[in-house]
């Protein structure tokens, strides 16, 4: 119990440093940029988040699972092979960045956005290598340098009147580069032959293709809301949506910290003690996360206007979004529950389950979410996000329950066979039941 608490403390502390830096950067930008300019930044940053999720699914997720079972010398080789693959993956990603900046009429800053994307993803690669061995106490120094440094430099630029979109992305690039250098030194340098790196690439594709598709769907759905608002009503509405998400985003240290911890912890527990033990280990961290976020979301639901005034100032146009904050608080509470379940499924190497539930929830929720957004604007977009989160957590809960039934075949009678069985790994279901 002491070991789990210590690991959980450093995981939350590290993610707290990441999320606090991101949060402070967003708040400074929302206060300093015009309504429309902040909307443009939020849209471009959303594209980076989408590409970040692609790299995470295809490279960072397999690195977390494989790294958890690797020794230190092998982890060093895997980490640097992953960095090389990240460089290669950036080539096709560049077209999406260039296209997004062209659509928003800021093509001149595309080079800065591309540099920020590449260096940010490289830093995340070495960070995940440290977290694969539960070295969150080591990763925190680079994360403070990166995310905390961004907030400090953006604030200095805003205070001196030198803040521009181009300089914002250059700050992200520079701080990410410094953090990547530090965390790569913490992992340790170890070269790998090209043929071995290509073998890892094939392994990553085999393991990560479902995580890639799931991440694209998850992040894509989230980015559809601000982009549709911008296309329908203008960038200012996208800024309002982002302003609400910034407030509930204070919970990100718990959500991402728990998810980053659950994946390697569940993988380790499954390899040593089985699926049921992996779920128990994951549930421990999930319960800890719930205790931390419930009071926060309750406070936001009861007092949304004071929270908005605290973050943006009492005369900000964002203060009128109280209903949006209430809906977002409920949506994020459900969303965090789903993130815990998806991390458990990733940890026990069931990315197909995550993908099936993710796509299924999108198909079910897309029509009501689109109707709400078109009819009610920003409030409708947040209500649509709530719909998506609710359907998603229900489907992931069903898949998580299915994995436990497969781990104990006696509780899976023939009468209960369903479409879930086609997503099971070979040999996962009792042969008698399959027959």
Protein backbone atom coordinates (compact mmCIF):
# COMPACT_ATOMS: atom_id res chain seq x y z
CA UNK A 1 0.00 0.00 0.00
CA UNK A 2 2.85 2.39 0.80
CA UNK A 3 4.48 1.59 -2.55
CA UNK A 4 1.25 2.27 -4.43
CA UNK A 5 0.68 5.51 -2.53
CA UNK A 6 4.21 6.70 -3.22
CA UNK A 7 3.94 5.84 -6.90
CA UNK A 8 0.54 7.51 -7.11
CA UNK A 9 1.80 10.63 -5.35
CA UNK A 10 4.67 11.19 -7.78
CA UNK A 11 2.48 10.36 -10.78
CA UNK A 12 -0.07 12.99 -9.71
CA UNK A 13 2.66 15.47 -8.81
CA UNK A 14 4.26 15.08 -12.22
CA UNK A 15 0.99 15.40 -14.08
CA UNK A 16 0.13 18.31 -11.80
CA UNK A 17 3.23 20.13 -13.02
CA UNK A 18 2.25 19.43 -16.63
CA UNK A 19 -1.38 20.47 -16.24
CA UNK A 20 -0.65 23.50 -14.08
CA UNK A 21 1.79 24.79 -16.69
CA UNK A 22 -0.72 24.19 -19.49
CA UNK A 23 -3.51 25.75 -17.47
CA UNK A 24 -1.54 28.89 -16.60
CA UNK A 25 -0.47 29.29 -20.24
CA UNK A 26 -4.08 29.06 -21.38
CA UNK A 27 -5.26 31.54 -18.77
CA UNK A 28 -2.54 34.08 -19.67
CA UNK A 29 -3.41 33.73 -23.36
CA UNK A 30 -7.17 34.03 -22.75
CA UNK A 31 -6.59 37.21 -20.74
CA UNK A 32 -4.00 38.74 -23.09
CA UNK A 33 -5.19 37.88 -26.63
CA UNK A 34 -8.33 39.20 -28.26
CA UNK A 35 -11.39 36.97 -28.29
CA UNK A 36 -10.83 36.06 -31.95
CA UNK A 37 -7.03 35.64 -31.67
CA UNK A 38 -7.41 33.28 -28.71
CA UNK A 39 -9.90 31.30 -30.78
CA UNK A 40 -7.32 30.91 -33.57
CA UNK A 41 -4.71 29.74 -31.07
CA UNK A 42 -7.16 27.26 -29.53
CA UNK A 43 -7.94 25.79 -32.95
CA UNK A 44 -4.26 25.37 -33.93
CA UNK A 45 -3.40 23.98 -30.51
CA UNK A 46 -6.29 21.55 -30.94
CA UNK A 47 -4.68 20.29 -34.14
CA UNK A 48 -1.44 19.73 -32.21
CA UNK A 49 -3.38 17.79 -29.57
CA UNK A 50 -4.91 15.63 -32.29
CA UNK A 51 -1.46 14.87 -33.74
CA UNK A 52 -0.14 14.33 -30.22
CA UNK A 53 -2.80 11.65 -29.68
CA UNK A 54 -1.75 9.95 -32.93
CA UNK A 55 1.88 9.79 -31.80
CA UNK A 56 0.75 8.65 -28.37
CA UNK A 57 -1.30 5.76 -29.75
CA UNK A 58 1.24 4.57 -32.29
CA UNK A 59 4.48 5.13 -30.33
CA UNK A 60 4.05 6.25 -26.72
CA UNK A 61 1.46 3.59 -25.82
CA UNK A 62 3.52 0.60 -27.09
CA UNK A 63 6.56 2.18 -25.43
CA UNK A 64 4.71 2.27 -22.10
CA UNK A 65 3.66 -1.38 -22.33
CA UNK A 66 6.94 -2.78 -23.69
CA UNK A 67 9.03 -0.55 -21.45
CA UNK A 68 7.25 -1.79 -18.33
CA UNK A 69 8.59 -5.30 -19.02
CA UNK A 70 12.07 -4.21 -20.16
CA UNK A 71 15.24 -3.74 -18.14
CA UNK A 72 17.07 -0.40 -18.08
CA UNK A 73 19.52 -1.20 -20.92
CA UNK A 74 16.72 -2.42 -23.17
CA UNK A 75 14.50 0.55 -22.25
CA UNK A 76 17.22 2.95 -23.41
CA UNK A 77 17.30 1.29 -26.83
CA UNK A 78 13.51 1.23 -27.09
CA UNK A 79 13.28 4.90 -26.10
CA UNK A 80 15.73 6.08 -28.75
CA UNK A 81 14.15 3.88 -31.41
CA UNK A 82 10.83 5.49 -30.45
CA UNK A 83 12.36 8.95 -30.83
CA UNK A 84 13.58 8.02 -34.32
CA UNK A 85 10.10 6.77 -35.25
CA UNK A 86 8.62 10.02 -33.92
CA UNK A 87 10.82 11.97 -36.33
CA UNK A 88 9.59 9.83 -39.22
CA UNK A 89 5.96 10.18 -38.16
CA UNK A 90 6.26 13.98 -38.17
CA UNK A 91 6.66 13.98 -41.97
CA UNK A 92 3.05 13.03 -42.85
CA UNK A 93 1.74 15.04 -39.89
CA UNK A 94 3.22 18.24 -41.31
CA UNK A 95 0.59 18.42 -44.05
CA UNK A 96 -2.25 18.70 -41.53
CA UNK A 97 -0.50 21.55 -39.68
CA UNK A 98 0.13 23.44 -42.92
CA UNK A 99 -3.47 22.94 -44.00
CA UNK A 100 -4.91 24.13 -40.67
CA UNK A 101 -2.82 27.31 -40.60
CA UNK A 102 -3.80 28.02 -44.22
CA UNK A 103 -7.52 27.65 -43.45
CA UNK A 104 -7.16 30.08 -40.52
CA UNK A 105 -5.16 32.55 -42.68
CA UNK A 106 -2.02 32.29 -40.54
CA UNK A 107 0.13 30.18 -42.89
CA UNK A 108 3.18 32.35 -42.09
CA UNK A 109 3.48 30.75 -38.62
CA UNK A 110 3.29 27.15 -39.88
CA UNK A 111 7.04 26.64 -39.45
CA UNK A 112 6.85 27.58 -35.74
CA UNK A 113 3.86 25.28 -35.20
CA UNK A 114 5.69 22.39 -36.89
CA UNK A 115 8.76 22.92 -34.74
CA UNK A 116 6.63 22.99 -31.58
CA UNK A 117 4.83 19.80 -32.64
CA UNK A 118 8.03 17.86 -33.31
CA UNK A 119 9.91 18.86 -30.15
CA UNK A 120 6.83 18.42 -27.95
CA UNK A 121 6.35 14.86 -29.23
CA UNK A 122 10.04 14.04 -28.74
CA UNK A 123 9.88 15.22 -25.15
CA UNK A 124 6.77 13.13 -24.52
CA UNK A 125 8.59 10.06 -25.87
CA UNK A 126 11.39 10.28 -23.29
CA UNK A 127 8.88 11.20 -20.60
CA UNK A 128 6.90 8.03 -21.30
CA UNK A 129 10.10 5.98 -21.12
CA UNK A 130 10.71 7.28 -17.60
CA UNK A 131 7.10 6.62 -16.60
CA UNK A 132 7.24 3.06 -17.94
CA UNK A 133 9.57 2.31 -14.99
CA UNK A 134 7.47 4.47 -12.63
CA UNK A 135 10.20 7.16 -12.52
CA UNK A 136 7.73 10.01 -12.19
CA UNK A 137 9.93 11.69 -9.57
CA UNK A 138 12.65 11.95 -12.24
CA UNK A 139 10.30 13.02 -15.06
CA UNK A 140 8.89 15.91 -13.04
CA UNK A 141 12.01 18.07 -13.47
CA UNK A 142 11.82 18.08 -17.24
CA UNK A 143 8.06 18.61 -17.14
CA UNK A 144 8.42 21.64 -14.88
CA UNK A 145 11.05 22.97 -17.29
CA UNK A 146 8.77 22.42 -20.29
CA UNK A 147 5.25 23.24 -19.15
CA UNK A 148 6.11 25.59 -16.32
CA UNK A 149 8.65 27.33 -18.54
CA UNK A 150 5.99 27.88 -21.18
CA UNK A 151 3.73 29.63 -18.70
CA UNK A 152 6.53 31.87 -17.42
CA UNK A 153 7.80 32.92 -20.85
CA UNK A 154 4.30 33.50 -22.24
CA UNK A 155 3.51 35.68 -19.22
CA UNK A 156 6.70 37.68 -19.74
CA UNK A 157 5.88 38.21 -23.42
CA UNK A 158 2.33 39.28 -22.55
CA UNK A 159 3.54 41.70 -19.90
CA UNK A 160 6.05 43.31 -22.26
CA UNK A 161 3.52 43.58 -25.11
CA UNK A 162 5.47 41.22 -27.38
CA UNK A 163 2.99 38.34 -27.43
CA UNK A 164 2.21 36.95 -30.91
CA UNK A 165 0.99 33.57 -32.14
CA UNK A 166 4.37 32.82 -33.70
CA UNK A 167 6.24 33.55 -30.47
CA UNK A 168 3.82 31.40 -28.46
CA UNK A 169 4.65 28.32 -30.53
CA UNK A 170 8.36 29.13 -30.47
CA UNK A 171 8.19 29.17 -26.66
CA UNK A 172 6.57 25.71 -26.73
CA UNK A 173 9.33 24.49 -29.06
CA UNK A 174 12.24 25.84 -26.98
CA UNK A 175 10.98 24.63 -23.60
CA UNK A 176 10.09 21.21 -25.04
CA UNK A 177 13.60 20.89 -26.53
CA UNK A 178 15.27 21.65 -23.19
CA UNK A 179 13.03 19.16 -21.37
CA UNK A 180 13.60 16.49 -24.04
CA UNK A 181 17.37 16.85 -23.64
CA UNK A 182 17.17 16.49 -19.84
CA UNK A 183 14.81 13.51 -19.89
CA UNK A 184 16.81 11.73 -22.59
CA UNK A 185 19.86 12.02 -20.34
CA UNK A 186 17.82 10.61 -17.45
CA UNK A 187 16.76 7.63 -19.56
CA UNK A 188 20.31 7.14 -20.83
CA UNK A 189 21.75 7.07 -24.32
CA UNK A 190 21.95 3.76 -26.19
CA UNK A 191 22.04 3.30 -29.95
CA UNK A 192 20.17 0.58 -31.80
CA UNK A 193 20.87 -0.92 -35.25
CA UNK A 194 18.53 0.20 -38.00
CA UNK A 195 17.13 -3.30 -38.57
CA UNK A 196 16.25 -3.55 -34.86
CA UNK A 197 14.52 -0.15 -34.97
CA UNK A 198 12.51 -1.31 -37.97
CA UNK A 199 11.54 -4.46 -36.07
CA UNK A 200 10.30 -2.25 -33.23
CA UNK A 201 8.35 -0.20 -35.77
CA UNK A 202 6.58 -3.35 -37.00
CA UNK A 203 5.86 -4.36 -33.41
CA UNK A 204 4.54 -0.89 -32.58
CA UNK A 205 2.24 -0.96 -35.60
CA UNK A 206 0.92 -4.39 -34.64
CA UNK A 207 0.28 -3.30 -31.06
CA UNK A 208 -0.51 0.36 -31.58
CA UNK A 209 -2.68 0.54 -34.69
CA UNK A 210 -5.86 0.16 -32.66
CA UNK A 211 -4.66 2.72 -30.13
CA UNK A 212 -3.84 5.04 -33.03
CA UNK A 213 -7.34 4.72 -34.46
CA UNK A 214 -8.89 5.15 -31.01
CA UNK A 215 -6.78 8.22 -30.30
CA UNK A 216 -7.67 9.75 -33.65
CA UNK A 217 -11.34 9.17 -32.96
CA UNK A 218 -11.20 10.46 -29.37
CA UNK A 219 -9.17 13.55 -30.10
CA UNK A 220 -10.93 14.15 -33.40
CA UNK A 221 -14.32 14.18 -31.71
CA UNK A 222 -13.08 16.68 -29.12
CA UNK A 223 -11.62 18.97 -31.79
CA UNK A 224 -14.75 18.81 -33.93
CA UNK A 225 -16.63 20.92 -31.37
CA UNK A 226 -14.42 24.07 -31.46
CA UNK A 227 -13.80 23.75 -35.21
CA UNK A 228 -17.52 23.45 -35.99
CA UNK A 229 -18.25 26.40 -33.72
CA UNK A 230 -15.60 28.43 -35.55
CA UNK A 231 -16.98 27.50 -38.97
CA UNK A 232 -20.60 28.13 -37.94
CA UNK A 233 -20.25 31.18 -35.68
CA UNK A 234 -16.63 32.41 -35.89
CA UNK A 235 -13.40 31.92 -33.86
CA UNK A 236 -14.82 33.80 -30.86
CA UNK A 237 -17.22 30.93 -30.17
CA UNK A 238 -14.34 28.47 -30.30
CA UNK A 239 -12.58 30.68 -27.74
CA UNK A 240 -15.63 30.52 -25.44
CA UNK A 241 -15.70 26.72 -25.71
CA UNK A 242 -12.00 26.55 -24.86
CA UNK A 243 -12.47 28.95 -21.93
CA UNK A 244 -14.99 26.56 -20.34
CA UNK A 245 -12.75 23.57 -20.99
CA UNK A 246 -9.85 25.40 -19.32
CA UNK A 247 -11.84 25.61 -16.09
CA UNK A 248 -12.73 21.90 -15.91
CA UNK A 249 -9.22 21.16 -17.18
CA UNK A 250 -7.90 21.84 -13.68
CA UNK A 251 -8.73 18.15 -13.15
CA UNK A 252 -6.20 17.09 -15.82
CA UNK A 253 -3.47 16.20 -13.29
CA UNK A 254 -5.77 13.55 -11.85
CA UNK A 255 -7.16 12.31 -15.17
CA UNK A 256 -3.91 12.06 -17.10
CA UNK A 257 -1.80 11.20 -14.05
CA UNK A 258 -4.05 8.26 -13.21
CA UNK A 259 -4.20 7.07 -16.83
CA UNK A 260 -0.42 7.27 -17.27
CA UNK A 261 -0.02 5.28 -14.07
CA UNK A 262 -2.72 2.69 -14.71
CA UNK A 263 -1.34 1.53 -18.10
CA UNK A 264 2.06 0.26 -16.89
CA UNK A 265 0.63 -0.80 -13.49
CA UNK A 266 -2.12 -2.88 -15.09
CA UNK A 267 0.37 -4.35 -17.56
CA UNK A 268 2.73 -5.36 -14.76
CA UNK A 269 -0.08 -6.84 -12.65
CA UNK A 270 -1.52 -8.80 -15.58
CA UNK A 271 1.86 -10.29 -16.49
CA UNK A 272 2.53 -11.40 -12.92
CA UNK A 273 -0.90 -12.18 -11.45
CA UNK A 274 -3.55 -12.12 -14.18
CA UNK A 275 -6.38 -9.95 -15.47
CA UNK A 276 -8.36 -9.82 -12.22
CA UNK A 277 -5.29 -8.51 -10.37
CA UNK A 278 -4.79 -5.90 -13.09
CA UNK A 279 -8.34 -4.68 -12.56
CA UNK A 280 -7.89 -4.53 -8.79
CA UNK A 281 -4.68 -2.53 -9.19
CA UNK A 282 -6.38 -0.18 -11.65
CA UNK A 283 -9.40 0.20 -9.36
CA UNK A 284 -7.16 1.33 -6.51
CA UNK A 285 -5.83 4.23 -8.55
CA UNK A 286 -9.29 4.95 -9.96
CA UNK A 287 -10.76 5.23 -6.47
CA UNK A 288 -7.96 7.58 -5.45
CA UNK A 289 -8.69 9.74 -8.50
CA UNK A 290 -12.41 9.87 -7.66
CA UNK A 291 -11.71 11.10 -4.14
CA UNK A 292 -9.62 13.93 -5.55
CA UNK A 293 -11.92 15.18 -8.33
CA UNK A 294 -15.39 14.87 -6.79
CA UNK A 295 -15.07 17.89 -4.44
CA UNK A 296 -13.67 20.03 -7.28
CA UNK A 297 -16.49 19.24 -9.69
CA UNK A 298 -19.09 19.72 -6.95
CA UNK A 299 -17.69 23.20 -6.26
CA UNK A 300 -17.73 24.06 -9.97
CA UNK A 301 -21.33 22.90 -10.30
CA UNK A 302 -22.46 24.98 -7.33
CA UNK A 303 -20.41 28.14 -7.98
CA UNK A 304 -19.54 28.37 -11.70
CA UNK A 305 -19.62 32.16 -12.03
CA UNK A 306 -17.09 32.85 -9.24
CA UNK A 307 -14.76 30.29 -10.81
CA UNK A 308 -14.97 31.99 -14.21
CA UNK A 309 -14.42 35.41 -12.62
CA UNK A 310 -11.41 34.08 -10.71
CA UNK A 311 -9.76 32.72 -13.83
CA UNK A 312 -10.63 35.40 -16.39
CA UNK A 313 -11.61 38.50 -14.42
CA UNK A 314 -15.09 39.68 -13.43
CA UNK A 315 -15.48 41.82 -16.58
CA UNK A 316 -14.48 39.06 -19.01
CA UNK A 317 -17.03 37.94 -21.64
CA UNK A 318 -16.41 34.37 -20.48
CA UNK A 319 -18.11 35.01 -17.12
CA UNK A 320 -21.52 34.56 -18.76
CA UNK A 321 -20.82 30.86 -19.41
CA UNK A 322 -22.03 29.53 -16.03
CA UNK A 323 -24.40 26.95 -17.55
CA UNK A 324 -21.60 25.73 -19.77
CA UNK A 325 -19.34 25.17 -16.76
CA UNK A 326 -22.05 23.18 -14.98
CA UNK A 327 -22.56 20.92 -18.00
CA UNK A 328 -18.81 20.58 -18.50
CA UNK A 329 -18.31 19.58 -14.85
CA UNK A 330 -20.76 16.69 -15.24
CA UNK A 331 -19.28 15.75 -18.62
CA UNK A 332 -15.72 15.73 -17.33
CA UNK A 333 -16.60 13.61 -14.31
CA UNK A 334 -18.01 11.00 -16.69
CA UNK A 335 -15.10 11.49 -19.09
CA UNK A 336 -12.53 10.80 -16.36
CA UNK A 337 -14.33 7.57 -15.45
CA UNK A 338 -14.07 6.49 -19.08
CA UNK A 339 -10.38 7.41 -19.22
CA UNK A 340 -9.69 5.14 -16.25
CA UNK A 341 -11.47 2.24 -17.95
CA UNK A 342 -9.66 2.79 -21.24
CA UNK A 343 -6.30 2.91 -19.44
CA UNK A 344 -7.10 -0.43 -17.79
CA UNK A 345 -7.97 -1.95 -21.19
CA UNK A 346 -4.76 -0.56 -22.72
CA UNK A 347 -2.78 -1.92 -19.77
CA UNK A 348 -4.03 -5.48 -20.30
CA UNK A 349 -3.30 -5.15 -24.03
CA UNK A 350 -6.89 -4.86 -25.28
CA UNK A 351 -6.65 -1.86 -27.64
CA UNK A 352 -9.31 -3.41 -29.90
CA UNK A 353 -11.80 -3.08 -27.07
CA UNK A 354 -10.92 0.59 -26.63
CA UNK A 355 -11.27 1.23 -30.36
CA UNK A 356 -14.60 -0.57 -30.64
CA UNK A 357 -16.12 1.35 -27.73
CA UNK A 358 -14.68 4.65 -28.93
CA UNK A 359 -16.02 4.35 -32.46
CA UNK A 360 -19.31 2.91 -31.25
CA UNK A 361 -19.89 5.84 -28.89
CA UNK A 362 -19.10 8.29 -31.68
CA UNK A 363 -21.61 6.66 -34.03
CA UNK A 364 -24.32 6.71 -31.36
CA UNK A 365 -23.66 10.26 -30.12
CA UNK A 366 -22.80 12.11 -33.34
CA UNK A 367 -26.34 13.03 -34.44
CA UNK A 368 -27.64 14.37 -31.09
CA UNK A 369 -24.33 16.18 -30.49
CA UNK A 370 -24.44 17.85 -33.92
CA UNK A 371 -28.07 18.90 -33.42
CA UNK A 372 -27.34 20.43 -30.02
CA UNK A 373 -24.30 22.33 -31.33
CA UNK A 374 -26.10 23.74 -34.36
CA UNK A 375 -29.17 24.69 -32.31
CA UNK A 376 -27.57 26.08 -29.14
CA UNK A 377 -24.02 27.13 -30.06
CA UNK A 378 -21.41 26.88 -27.29
CA UNK A 379 -23.83 25.47 -24.71
CA UNK A 380 -25.04 22.92 -27.24
CA UNK A 381 -21.45 21.90 -28.03
CA UNK A 382 -20.77 21.24 -24.34
CA UNK A 383 -24.04 19.29 -24.05
CA UNK A 384 -22.97 17.28 -27.11
CA UNK A 385 -19.66 16.52 -25.43
CA UNK A 386 -21.59 15.33 -22.36
CA UNK A 387 -23.64 13.00 -24.58
CA UNK A 388 -20.50 11.56 -26.14
CA UNK A 389 -18.80 11.05 -22.74
CA UNK A 390 -21.85 9.25 -21.31
CA UNK A 391 -22.19 6.79 -24.20
CA UNK A 392 -18.45 6.19 -24.20
CA UNK A 393 -18.17 5.29 -20.50
CA UNK A 394 -21.11 2.87 -20.77
CA UNK A 395 -19.50 1.00 -23.66
CA UNK A 396 -16.06 0.86 -22.05
CA UNK A 397 -17.62 -0.45 -18.82
CA UNK A 398 -19.24 -3.27 -20.78
CA UNK A 399 -15.92 -4.20 -22.40
CA UNK A 400 -14.09 -4.04 -19.06
CA UNK A 401 -16.69 -6.37 -17.57
CA UNK A 402 -16.22 -8.69 -20.52
CA UNK A 403 -12.46 -9.00 -19.89
CA UNK A 404 -13.14 -10.08 -16.31
CA UNK A 405 -15.66 -12.66 -17.47
CA UNK A 406 -13.13 -14.04 -19.96
CA UNK A 407 -10.54 -14.25 -17.19
CA UNK A 408 -13.03 -16.43 -15.25
CA UNK A 409 -14.74 -18.54 -17.95
CA UNK A 410 -17.06 -20.21 -15.48
CA UNK A 411 -18.98 -16.95 -15.16
CA UNK A 412 -19.44 -16.70 -18.94
CA UNK A 413 -22.15 -19.21 -19.84
CA UNK A 414 -22.88 -20.00 -23.45
CA UNK A 415 -26.09 -18.03 -23.27
CA UNK A 416 -24.10 -14.84 -22.75
CA UNK A 417 -22.00 -15.07 -25.90
CA UNK A 418 -22.30 -11.81 -27.86
CA UNK A 419 -20.58 -9.54 -30.31
CA UNK A 420 -17.92 -8.83 -27.64
CA UNK A 421 -16.42 -12.26 -28.36
CA UNK A 422 -15.19 -11.20 -31.79
CA UNK A 423 -12.91 -8.65 -30.10
CA UNK A 424 -11.37 -11.21 -27.76
CA UNK A 425 -7.78 -12.25 -28.23
CA UNK A 426 -7.12 -15.84 -29.44
CA UNK A 427 -7.28 -18.28 -26.57
CA UNK A 428 -8.96 -15.74 -24.32
CA UNK A 429 -12.29 -17.59 -24.10
CA UNK A 430 -12.68 -21.02 -22.61
CA UNK A 431 -12.48 -23.61 -25.46
CA UNK A 432 -15.61 -25.30 -24.16
CA UNK A 433 -17.55 -22.06 -24.39
CA UNK A 434 -16.15 -21.35 -27.88
CA UNK A 435 -17.20 -24.82 -29.01
